[in-house]
């Protein structure tokens, strides 16, 4: 399967983000989230929903967002012909756990 990365590469991406989070923590005076978990069932259900609801769904874009309290989140948005399909609800509210404890591989 194309576009896979090794565990070492994933760990490096996580470490790079941690360095950024440390700087950001000083600005917002709190720990921020580093990951978000969607179960396989949630993802399959969401894919079923977007395929049934929309036409020409060709992908799901993953956005990084922030709540009004400045804490990081991710949400998934379906695409049609490579463009966000804003007529279909996005997926949010995965399980982020208690920041900052969840790091890749731990």
Protein backbone atom coordinates (compact mmCIF):
# COMPACT_ATOMS: atom_id res chain seq x y z
CA UNK A 1 0.00 0.00 0.00
CA UNK A 2 1.45 3.35 -1.05
CA UNK A 3 2.15 6.30 1.25
CA UNK A 4 2.93 4.24 4.32
CA UNK A 5 5.64 5.41 6.69
CA UNK A 6 7.76 3.40 9.10
CA UNK A 7 7.32 3.42 12.87
CA UNK A 8 10.54 5.41 13.15
CA UNK A 9 9.23 8.04 10.72
CA UNK A 10 5.93 8.25 12.62
CA UNK A 11 7.80 8.63 15.91
CA UNK A 12 9.87 11.46 14.39
CA UNK A 13 6.71 13.28 13.25
CA UNK A 14 5.31 12.93 16.78
CA UNK A 15 8.54 14.23 18.33
CA UNK A 16 8.55 17.20 15.93
CA UNK A 17 4.98 18.02 16.95
CA UNK A 18 5.85 17.68 20.66
CA UNK A 19 8.51 20.35 20.28
CA UNK A 20 5.89 22.64 18.75
CA UNK A 21 3.41 21.84 21.53
CA UNK A 22 5.93 22.81 24.19
CA UNK A 23 6.25 26.26 22.62
CA UNK A 24 2.48 26.57 22.20
CA UNK A 25 1.82 25.52 25.83
CA UNK A 26 3.63 28.65 26.96
CA UNK A 27 1.21 30.79 24.92
CA UNK A 28 -2.05 29.17 26.09
CA UNK A 29 -0.86 28.10 29.56
CA UNK A 30 -2.21 24.54 29.24
CA UNK A 31 -1.30 21.21 27.69
CA UNK A 32 -2.74 20.53 24.25
CA UNK A 33 -3.89 17.30 22.66
CA UNK A 34 -1.47 15.28 20.52
CA UNK A 35 -3.74 12.60 19.09
CA UNK A 36 -7.32 11.69 18.39
CA UNK A 37 -8.78 8.18 18.17
CA UNK A 38 -11.66 7.16 15.91
CA UNK A 39 -12.61 3.49 16.15
CA UNK A 40 -12.71 1.35 13.01
CA UNK A 41 -16.50 1.19 13.43
CA UNK A 42 -16.79 5.00 13.63
CA UNK A 43 -14.68 5.38 10.49
CA UNK A 44 -16.59 2.69 8.57
CA UNK A 45 -19.93 4.17 9.66
CA UNK A 46 -18.80 7.64 8.57
CA UNK A 47 -17.60 6.38 5.19
CA UNK A 48 -20.95 4.58 4.72
CA UNK A 49 -22.77 7.81 5.64
CA UNK A 50 -20.86 10.01 3.20
CA UNK A 51 -21.16 7.48 0.38
CA UNK A 52 -24.92 7.22 0.89
CA UNK A 53 -25.46 10.96 1.39
CA UNK A 54 -23.24 12.51 -1.26
CA UNK A 55 -22.44 12.04 -4.90
CA UNK A 56 -18.97 11.51 -6.35
CA UNK A 57 -17.34 11.18 -2.92
CA UNK A 58 -13.69 10.55 -3.70
CA UNK A 59 -11.88 11.14 -0.42
CA UNK A 60 -11.87 12.32 3.14
CA UNK A 61 -9.70 15.28 4.10
CA UNK A 62 -8.38 15.45 7.66
CA UNK A 63 -8.30 18.95 9.08
CA UNK A 64 -6.57 20.20 12.20
CA UNK A 65 -8.83 22.60 14.06
CA UNK A 66 -9.15 24.28 17.43
CA UNK A 67 -12.02 24.61 19.86
CA UNK A 68 -12.93 28.00 21.32
CA UNK A 69 -10.66 27.21 24.31
CA UNK A 70 -7.73 26.93 21.82
CA UNK A 71 -7.24 23.17 22.29
CA UNK A 72 -6.45 21.22 19.15
CA UNK A 73 -8.83 18.79 17.48
CA UNK A 74 -9.11 17.03 14.14
CA UNK A 75 -12.14 16.59 11.96
CA UNK A 76 -12.80 14.64 8.79
CA UNK A 77 -14.52 16.22 5.80
CA UNK A 78 -15.66 14.36 2.68
CA UNK A 79 -14.51 15.52 -0.74
CA UNK A 80 -16.20 15.40 -4.12
CA UNK A 81 -13.91 15.82 -7.12
CA UNK A 82 -11.13 16.81 -4.71
CA UNK A 83 -13.13 19.70 -3.20
CA UNK A 84 -14.64 19.73 0.29
CA UNK A 85 -18.28 18.69 0.16
CA UNK A 86 -19.70 21.09 2.76
CA UNK A 87 -23.25 19.80 2.30
CA UNK A 88 -22.33 16.66 4.23
CA UNK A 89 -21.57 16.76 7.96
CA UNK A 90 -17.94 16.37 9.01
CA UNK A 91 -16.79 13.87 11.64
CA UNK A 92 -15.36 15.14 14.96
CA UNK A 93 -15.32 14.15 18.62
CA UNK A 94 -12.98 11.19 18.50
CA UNK A 95 -11.39 10.12 21.75
CA UNK A 96 -8.46 12.44 22.42
CA UNK A 97 -7.76 11.20 25.92
CA UNK A 98 -6.14 13.42 28.47
CA UNK A 99 -3.44 15.59 26.90
CA UNK A 100 -0.49 15.41 26.67
CA UNK A 101 -0.03 11.77 27.65
CA UNK A 102 -0.78 9.96 24.39
CA UNK A 103 2.25 9.82 22.12
CA UNK A 104 2.82 7.58 19.13
CA UNK A 105 3.67 4.04 20.20
CA UNK A 106 3.03 4.62 23.89
